[in-house]
Amino acid sequence: MTNRYQTTGSEGDFEAGSNEQVLRNVVGITSTTDMDELELQLLSELYDEVLLQNLPDRQLTVEDLKRWHRMWLGNVYAWAGKERSVNLGKGGFQFATAGLLPDLLGSFERECLRRWTPCSNLAPDELVKAIAVTHVELIVIHPFRDGNGRLSRLLADVMAVQAGHEPLDYSGWEQHKPAYIGAIHAGFSRDYGPMEQFVARAMAAGDASLSGPA
């Protein structure tokens, strides 16, 4: 088994006894299965809090993302909710350099979050574009040591629900993962069309899941 990311810096430390498969954590978990189960349970609780109990019907900020990340993983990792201090790479793709994160997140807030949120007045095509661009840009920045993909999906769901839709159905993203990764890579070059297709299908599937069969 290989590590999920290649890293440099102290946040790359692993929990003793985990065979370098589980990041150092405050609960002493050494099993990837146990950690995956805990993170999934905590993510479900975060979704309940953010989407069902306290949906933000206002402009979103980078501080919202940090707060959600801290709410989710704050009892597991000491670095939860903090900008990563290590450089990350995955599958030969290098995410944004850690030292550039403050500037990149500032640009992300101005060009994505301030531009499009709240999403209540966006036309359908504009909403799809907004979610696609925001998703790609946050993935490329990768502001946290771990959990970026799942937090990016939560942000997409919040944007969709702000606009009156259901949360997205991501099953197609998992079924066509190489194409999804290709869409992320295309977005790195400012070609967001492939990701817009993924978002449009996921949004339609999410809305259809509520209505059920005809």
C-alpha atoms as a PDB file:
ATOM      1  CA  MET A   1       0.000   0.000   0.000  1.00  0.00           C
ATOM      2  CA  THR A   2       1.282   3.467  -0.875  1.00  0.00           C
ATOM      3  CA  ASN A   3       0.719   6.733   0.923  1.00  0.00           C
ATOM      4  CA  ARG A   4      -2.125   8.905  -0.313  1.00  0.00           C
ATOM      5  CA  TYR A   5       0.141  11.936  -0.813  1.00  0.00           C
ATOM      6  CA  GLN A   6       3.810  12.677  -1.223  1.00  0.00           C
ATOM      7  CA  THR A   7       4.802  15.362   1.282  1.00  0.00           C
ATOM      8  CA  THR A   8       7.614  17.424   2.690  1.00  0.00           C
ATOM      9  CA  GLY A   9       7.541  18.925   6.191  1.00  0.00           C
ATOM     10  CA  SER A  10       6.425  17.925   9.679  1.00  0.00           C
ATOM     11  CA  GLU A  11       2.747  17.503   8.772  1.00  0.00           C
ATOM     12  CA  GLY A  12       3.884  14.466   6.831  1.00  0.00           C
ATOM     13  CA  ASP A  13       4.441  12.622  10.135  1.00  0.00           C
ATOM     14  CA  PHE A  14       2.516   9.389  10.634  1.00  0.00           C
ATOM     15  CA  GLU A  15       1.020   7.771  13.700  1.00  0.00           C
ATOM     16  CA  ALA A  16       3.431   5.340  15.342  1.00  0.00           C
ATOM     17  CA  GLY A  17       2.467   1.753  14.591  1.00  0.00           C
ATOM     18  CA  SER A  18       0.465   2.613  11.462  1.00  0.00           C
ATOM     19  CA  ASN A  19       3.119   1.493   8.971  1.00  0.00           C
ATOM     20  CA  GLU A  20       3.072   5.062   7.629  1.00  0.00           C
ATOM     21  CA  GLN A  21      -0.556   4.738   6.524  1.00  0.00           C
ATOM     22  CA  VAL A  22      -2.349   6.937   9.096  1.00  0.00           C
ATOM     23  CA  LEU A  23      -1.415  10.545   9.757  1.00  0.00           C
ATOM     24  CA  ARG A  24      -0.407  11.487  13.286  1.00  0.00           C
ATOM     25  CA  ASN A  25      -3.622  12.111  15.187  1.00  0.00           C
ATOM     26  CA  VAL A  26      -4.751  13.015  18.686  1.00  0.00           C
ATOM     27  CA  VAL A  27      -6.868   9.880  19.185  1.00  0.00           C
ATOM     28  CA  GLY A  28      -4.099   7.334  18.591  1.00  0.00           C
ATOM     29  CA  ILE A  29      -5.746   5.535  15.661  1.00  0.00           C
ATOM     30  CA  THR A  30      -3.350   3.347  13.676  1.00  0.00           C
ATOM     31  CA  SER A  31      -5.775   1.509  11.371  1.00  0.00           C
ATOM     32  CA  THR A  32      -6.782   3.040   8.038  1.00  0.00           C
ATOM     33  CA  THR A  33     -10.157   1.307   8.317  1.00  0.00           C
ATOM     34  CA  ASP A  34     -10.819   2.792  11.744  1.00  0.00           C
ATOM     35  CA  MET A  35      -9.729   6.248  10.612  1.00  0.00           C
ATOM     36  CA  ASP A  36     -11.864   6.094   7.473  1.00  0.00           C
ATOM     37  CA  GLU A  37     -14.891   5.110   9.549  1.00  0.00           C
ATOM     38  CA  LEU A  38     -14.309   7.893  12.070  1.00  0.00           C
ATOM     39  CA  GLU A  39     -13.813  10.545   9.394  1.00  0.00           C
ATOM     40  CA  LEU A  40     -16.974   9.383   7.588  1.00  0.00           C
ATOM     41  CA  GLN A  41     -19.018   9.529  10.783  1.00  0.00           C
ATOM     42  CA  LEU A  42     -17.736  13.012  11.596  1.00  0.00           C
ATOM     43  CA  LEU A  43     -18.361  14.154   8.017  1.00  0.00           C
ATOM     44  CA  SER A  44     -21.974  13.023   8.288  1.00  0.00           C
ATOM     45  CA  GLU A  45     -22.321  15.092  11.455  1.00  0.00           C
ATOM     46  CA  LEU A  46     -20.784  18.095   9.684  1.00  0.00           C
ATOM     47  CA  TYR A  47     -23.253  17.753   6.798  1.00  0.00           C
ATOM     48  CA  ASP A  48     -26.117  17.648   9.276  1.00  0.00           C
ATOM     49  CA  GLU A  49     -24.867  20.798  10.971  1.00  0.00           C
ATOM     50  CA  VAL A  50     -24.089  22.802   7.823  1.00  0.00           C
ATOM     51  CA  LEU A  51     -26.802  21.698   5.382  1.00  0.00           C
ATOM     52  CA  LEU A  52     -29.723  20.865   7.657  1.00  0.00           C
ATOM     53  CA  GLN A  53     -29.354  22.972  10.776  1.00  0.00           C
ATOM     54  CA  ASN A  54     -27.416  26.108   9.864  1.00  0.00           C
ATOM     55  CA  LEU A  55     -27.316  26.516   6.081  1.00  0.00           C
ATOM     56  CA  PRO A  56     -25.444  29.768   5.356  1.00  0.00           C
ATOM     57  CA  ASP A  57     -27.706  31.874   3.106  1.00  0.00           C
ATOM     58  CA  ARG A  58     -25.042  34.552   2.724  1.00  0.00           C
ATOM     59  CA  GLN A  59     -21.766  35.107   0.953  1.00  0.00           C
ATOM     60  CA  LEU A  60     -19.296  32.379   1.867  1.00  0.00           C
ATOM     61  CA  THR A  61     -15.698  33.002   2.902  1.00  0.00           C
ATOM     62  CA  VAL A  62     -12.437  31.124   3.262  1.00  0.00           C
ATOM     63  CA  GLU A  63     -12.966  31.364   7.017  1.00  0.00           C
ATOM     64  CA  ASP A  64     -16.155  29.315   6.559  1.00  0.00           C
ATOM     65  CA  LEU A  65     -14.103  26.577   4.903  1.00  0.00           C
ATOM     66  CA  LYS A  66     -11.541  26.629   7.711  1.00  0.00           C
ATOM     67  CA  ARG A  67     -14.310  26.501  10.311  1.00  0.00           C
ATOM     68  CA  TRP A  68     -16.016  23.552   8.588  1.00  0.00           C
ATOM     69  CA  HIS A  69     -12.707  21.702   8.379  1.00  0.00           C
ATOM     70  CA  ARG A  70     -12.072  22.358  12.069  1.00  0.00           C
ATOM     71  CA  MET A  71     -15.617  21.272  13.014  1.00  0.00           C
ATOM     72  CA  TRP A  72     -15.092  18.054  11.054  1.00  0.00           C
ATOM     73  CA  LEU A  73     -11.573  17.019  12.055  1.00  0.00           C
ATOM     74  CA  GLY A  74     -10.693  19.217  15.018  1.00  0.00           C
ATOM     75  CA  ASN A  75     -10.950  16.326  17.472  1.00  0.00           C
ATOM     76  CA  VAL A  76      -8.766  14.114  15.274  1.00  0.00           C
ATOM     77  CA  TYR A  77      -5.884  16.191  13.899  1.00  0.00           C
ATOM     78  CA  ALA A  78      -4.004  19.085  15.483  1.00  0.00           C
ATOM     79  CA  TRP A  79      -3.808  20.857  12.104  1.00  0.00           C
ATOM     80  CA  ALA A  80      -7.544  20.782  11.343  1.00  0.00           C
ATOM     81  CA  GLY A  81      -8.795  24.112  10.019  1.00  0.00           C
ATOM     82  CA  LYS A  82      -5.272  25.415   9.418  1.00  0.00           C
ATOM     83  CA  GLU A  83      -3.573  26.061   6.111  1.00  0.00           C
ATOM     84  CA  ARG A  84      -1.121  23.255   5.435  1.00  0.00           C
ATOM     85  CA  SER A  85       2.591  23.915   5.856  1.00  0.00           C
ATOM     86  CA  VAL A  86       3.702  21.017   3.654  1.00  0.00           C
ATOM     87  CA  ASN A  87       3.820  20.648  -0.108  1.00  0.00           C
ATOM     88  CA  LEU A  88       1.554  17.936  -1.469  1.00  0.00           C
ATOM     89  CA  GLY A  89       1.534  15.850  -4.615  1.00  0.00           C
ATOM     90  CA  LYS A  90      -0.723  13.046  -5.773  1.00  0.00           C
ATOM     91  CA  GLY A  91      -0.450  10.794  -8.793  1.00  0.00           C
ATOM     92  CA  GLY A  92       2.315  12.914 -10.275  1.00  0.00           C
ATOM     93  CA  PHE A  93       0.289  16.122  -9.874  1.00  0.00           C
ATOM     94  CA  GLN A  94       1.639  18.829  -7.579  1.00  0.00           C
ATOM     95  CA  PHE A  95      -0.856  20.977  -5.719  1.00  0.00           C
ATOM     96  CA  ALA A  96      -0.198  24.626  -4.910  1.00  0.00           C
ATOM     97  CA  THR A  97       3.007  25.323  -2.985  1.00  0.00           C
ATOM     98  CA  ALA A  98       2.282  25.808   0.714  1.00  0.00           C
ATOM     99  CA  GLY A  99       3.933  29.219   0.820  1.00  0.00           C
ATOM    100  CA  LEU A 100       1.503  30.539  -1.799  1.00  0.00           C
ATOM    101  CA  LEU A 101      -1.654  29.510   0.064  1.00  0.00           C
ATOM    102  CA  PRO A 102      -2.491  32.887   1.680  1.00  0.00           C
ATOM    103  CA  ASP A 103      -2.398  34.702  -1.664  1.00  0.00           C
ATOM    104  CA  LEU A 104      -4.181  31.901  -3.517  1.00  0.00           C
ATOM    105  CA  LEU A 105      -6.948  31.661  -0.940  1.00  0.00           C
ATOM    106  CA  GLY A 106      -7.379  35.429  -1.068  1.00  0.00           C
ATOM    107  CA  SER A 107      -7.818  35.233  -4.834  1.00  0.00           C
ATOM    108  CA  PHE A 108     -10.162  32.259  -4.453  1.00  0.00           C
ATOM    109  CA  GLU A 109     -12.372  34.207  -2.074  1.00  0.00           C
ATOM    110  CA  ARG A 110     -12.502  37.234  -4.374  1.00  0.00           C
ATOM    111  CA  GLU A 111     -12.910  35.428  -7.687  1.00  0.00           C
ATOM    112  CA  CYS A 112     -15.149  32.545  -6.628  1.00  0.00           C
ATOM    113  CA  LEU A 113     -16.870  32.971  -3.278  1.00  0.00           C
ATOM    114  CA  ARG A 114     -17.587  36.704  -3.516  1.00  0.00           C
ATOM    115  CA  ARG A 115     -18.500  36.429  -7.176  1.00  0.00           C
ATOM    116  CA  TRP A 116     -21.040  33.643  -6.890  1.00  0.00           C
ATOM    117  CA  THR A 117     -22.270  33.209  -3.333  1.00  0.00           C
ATOM    118  CA  PRO A 118     -24.938  33.249  -2.159  1.00  0.00           C
ATOM    119  CA  CYS A 119     -26.155  31.317  -5.209  1.00  0.00           C
ATOM    120  CA  SER A 120     -29.872  31.999  -4.804  1.00  0.00           C
ATOM    121  CA  ASN A 121     -30.090  34.286  -7.857  1.00  0.00           C
ATOM    122  CA  LEU A 122     -27.928  32.316 -10.280  1.00  0.00           C
ATOM    123  CA  ALA A 123     -29.433  30.966 -13.502  1.00  0.00           C
ATOM    124  CA  PRO A 124     -29.062  27.165 -13.908  1.00  0.00           C
ATOM    125  CA  ASP A 125     -26.160  27.345 -16.370  1.00  0.00           C
ATOM    126  CA  GLU A 126     -24.408  29.962 -14.264  1.00  0.00           C
ATOM    127  CA  LEU A 127     -24.825  27.817 -11.146  1.00  0.00           C
ATOM    128  CA  VAL A 128     -23.239  24.836 -12.888  1.00  0.00           C
ATOM    129  CA  LYS A 129     -20.317  26.994 -13.983  1.00  0.00           C
ATOM    130  CA  ALA A 130     -19.956  28.516 -10.515  1.00  0.00           C
ATOM    131  CA  ILE A 131     -19.799  25.132  -8.805  1.00  0.00           C
ATOM    132  CA  ALA A 132     -17.448  23.676 -11.425  1.00  0.00           C
ATOM    133  CA  VAL A 133     -14.943  26.530 -11.291  1.00  0.00           C
ATOM    134  CA  THR A 134     -15.083  26.765  -7.504  1.00  0.00           C
ATOM    135  CA  HIS A 135     -14.584  23.018  -7.133  1.00  0.00           C
ATOM    136  CA  VAL A 136     -11.606  22.872  -9.481  1.00  0.00           C
ATOM    137  CA  GLU A 137      -9.894  25.902  -7.981  1.00  0.00           C
ATOM    138  CA  LEU A 138     -10.257  24.671  -4.404  1.00  0.00           C
ATOM    139  CA  ILE A 139      -8.953  21.223  -5.346  1.00  0.00           C
ATOM    140  CA  VAL A 140      -5.936  22.725  -7.109  1.00  0.00           C
ATOM    141  CA  ILE A 141      -5.174  24.975  -4.125  1.00  0.00           C
ATOM    142  CA  HIS A 142      -5.627  22.062  -1.689  1.00  0.00           C
ATOM    143  CA  PRO A 143      -5.483  24.302   1.396  1.00  0.00           C
ATOM    144  CA  PHE A 144      -5.519  21.569   4.049  1.00  0.00           C
ATOM    145  CA  ARG A 145      -3.278  18.632   4.881  1.00  0.00           C
ATOM    146  CA  ASP A 146      -6.120  16.200   4.151  1.00  0.00           C
ATOM    147  CA  GLY A 147      -9.854  16.206   3.496  1.00  0.00           C
ATOM    148  CA  ASN A 148      -9.780  18.732   0.645  1.00  0.00           C
ATOM    149  CA  GLY A 149     -11.859  16.694  -1.783  1.00  0.00           C
ATOM    150  CA  ARG A 150     -14.599  15.997   0.726  1.00  0.00           C
ATOM    151  CA  LEU A 151     -14.695  19.604   1.896  1.00  0.00           C
ATOM    152  CA  SER A 152     -14.846  20.764  -1.731  1.00  0.00           C
ATOM    153  CA  ARG A 153     -17.898  18.583  -2.234  1.00  0.00           C
ATOM    154  CA  LEU A 154     -19.529  20.039   0.858  1.00  0.00           C
ATOM    155  CA  LEU A 155     -18.947  23.516  -0.575  1.00  0.00           C
ATOM    156  CA  ALA A 156     -20.521  22.422  -3.867  1.00  0.00           C
ATOM    157  CA  ASP A 157     -23.516  21.057  -1.972  1.00  0.00           C
ATOM    158  CA  VAL A 158     -23.934  24.277   0.014  1.00  0.00           C
ATOM    159  CA  MET A 159     -23.883  26.274  -3.227  1.00  0.00           C
ATOM    160  CA  ALA A 160     -26.465  23.956  -4.798  1.00  0.00           C
ATOM    161  CA  VAL A 161     -28.773  24.106  -1.784  1.00  0.00           C
ATOM    162  CA  GLN A 162     -28.443  27.900  -1.654  1.00  0.00           C
ATOM    163  CA  ALA A 163     -29.871  27.888  -5.185  1.00  0.00           C
ATOM    164  CA  GLY A 164     -32.789  25.636  -4.241  1.00  0.00           C
ATOM    165  CA  HIS A 165     -31.364  22.320  -5.419  1.00  0.00           C
ATOM    166  CA  GLU A 166     -30.634  19.106  -3.584  1.00  0.00           C
ATOM    167  CA  PRO A 167     -27.049  18.130  -2.700  1.00  0.00           C
ATOM    168  CA  LEU A 168     -25.206  16.683  -5.663  1.00  0.00           C
ATOM    169  CA  ASP A 169     -25.095  12.941  -6.327  1.00  0.00           C
ATOM    170  CA  TYR A 170     -21.391  12.137  -6.680  1.00  0.00           C
ATOM    171  CA  SER A 171     -21.761   8.470  -7.601  1.00  0.00           C
ATOM    172  CA  GLY A 172     -20.957   9.236 -11.233  1.00  0.00           C
ATOM    173  CA  TRP A 173     -17.741  10.933 -10.189  1.00  0.00           C
ATOM    174  CA  GLU A 174     -16.642   7.769  -8.418  1.00  0.00           C
ATOM    175  CA  GLN A 175     -17.716   5.534 -11.303  1.00  0.00           C
ATOM    176  CA  HIS A 176     -15.734   7.609 -13.794  1.00  0.00           C
ATOM    177  CA  LYS A 177     -12.846   8.661 -11.593  1.00  0.00           C
ATOM    178  CA  PRO A 178     -10.148   8.834 -14.312  1.00  0.00           C
ATOM    179  CA  ALA A 179     -12.365  11.195 -16.324  1.00  0.00           C
ATOM    180  CA  TYR A 180     -13.091  13.236 -13.197  1.00  0.00           C
ATOM    181  CA  ILE A 181      -9.363  13.585 -12.509  1.00  0.00           C
ATOM    182  CA  GLY A 182      -8.938  14.566 -16.147  1.00  0.00           C
ATOM    183  CA  ALA A 183     -11.541  17.293 -15.629  1.00  0.00           C
ATOM    184  CA  ILE A 184      -9.538  18.623 -12.675  1.00  0.00           C
ATOM    185  CA  HIS A 185      -6.395  18.680 -14.808  1.00  0.00           C
ATOM    186  CA  ALA A 186      -8.269  20.475 -17.609  1.00  0.00           C
ATOM    187  CA  GLY A 187      -9.452  23.065 -15.103  1.00  0.00           C
ATOM    188  CA  PHE A 188      -5.854  23.693 -14.110  1.00  0.00           C
ATOM    189  CA  SER A 189      -5.504  25.150 -17.625  1.00  0.00           C
ATOM    190  CA  ARG A 190      -8.755  27.131 -17.211  1.00  0.00           C
ATOM    191  CA  ASP A 191     -10.774  24.658 -19.287  1.00  0.00           C
ATOM    192  CA  TYR A 192     -13.748  24.100 -17.005  1.00  0.00           C
ATOM    193  CA  GLY A 193     -16.027  22.488 -19.597  1.00  0.00           C
ATOM    194  CA  PRO A 194     -15.348  18.878 -18.548  1.00  0.00           C
ATOM    195  CA  MET A 195     -16.014  19.691 -14.888  1.00  0.00           C
ATOM    196  CA  GLU A 196     -19.194  21.552 -15.811  1.00  0.00           C
ATOM    197  CA  GLN A 197     -20.439  18.328 -17.396  1.00  0.00           C
ATOM    198  CA  PHE A 198     -19.700  16.394 -14.209  1.00  0.00           C
ATOM    199  CA  VAL A 199     -21.468  19.021 -12.095  1.00  0.00           C
ATOM    200  CA  ALA A 200     -24.523  19.183 -14.354  1.00  0.00           C
ATOM    201  CA  ARG A 201     -24.992  15.411 -14.235  1.00  0.00           C
ATOM    202  CA  ALA A 202     -24.425  15.254 -10.474  1.00  0.00           C
ATOM    203  CA  MET A 203     -26.916  18.055  -9.897  1.00  0.00           C
ATOM    204  CA  ALA A 204     -29.560  16.410 -12.079  1.00  0.00           C
ATOM    205  CA  ALA A 205     -29.026  13.087 -10.306  1.00  0.00           C
ATOM    206  CA  GLY A 206     -29.261  14.742  -6.900  1.00  0.00           C
ATOM    207  CA  ASP A 207     -32.520  16.470  -7.767  1.00  0.00           C
ATOM    208  CA  ALA A 208     -33.926  13.264  -9.281  1.00  0.00           C
ATOM    209  CA  SER A 209     -33.142  11.278  -6.136  1.00  0.00           C
ATOM    210  CA  LEU A 210     -35.598  13.428  -4.184  1.00  0.00           C
ATOM    211  CA  SER A 211     -38.475  13.085  -6.647  1.00  0.00           C
ATOM    212  CA  GLY A 212     -38.003   9.327  -7.007  1.00  0.00           C
ATOM    213  CA  PRO A 213     -39.274   7.231  -9.920  1.00  0.00           C
ATOM    214  CA  ALA A 214     -42.001   8.702 -12.120  1.00  0.00           C
END
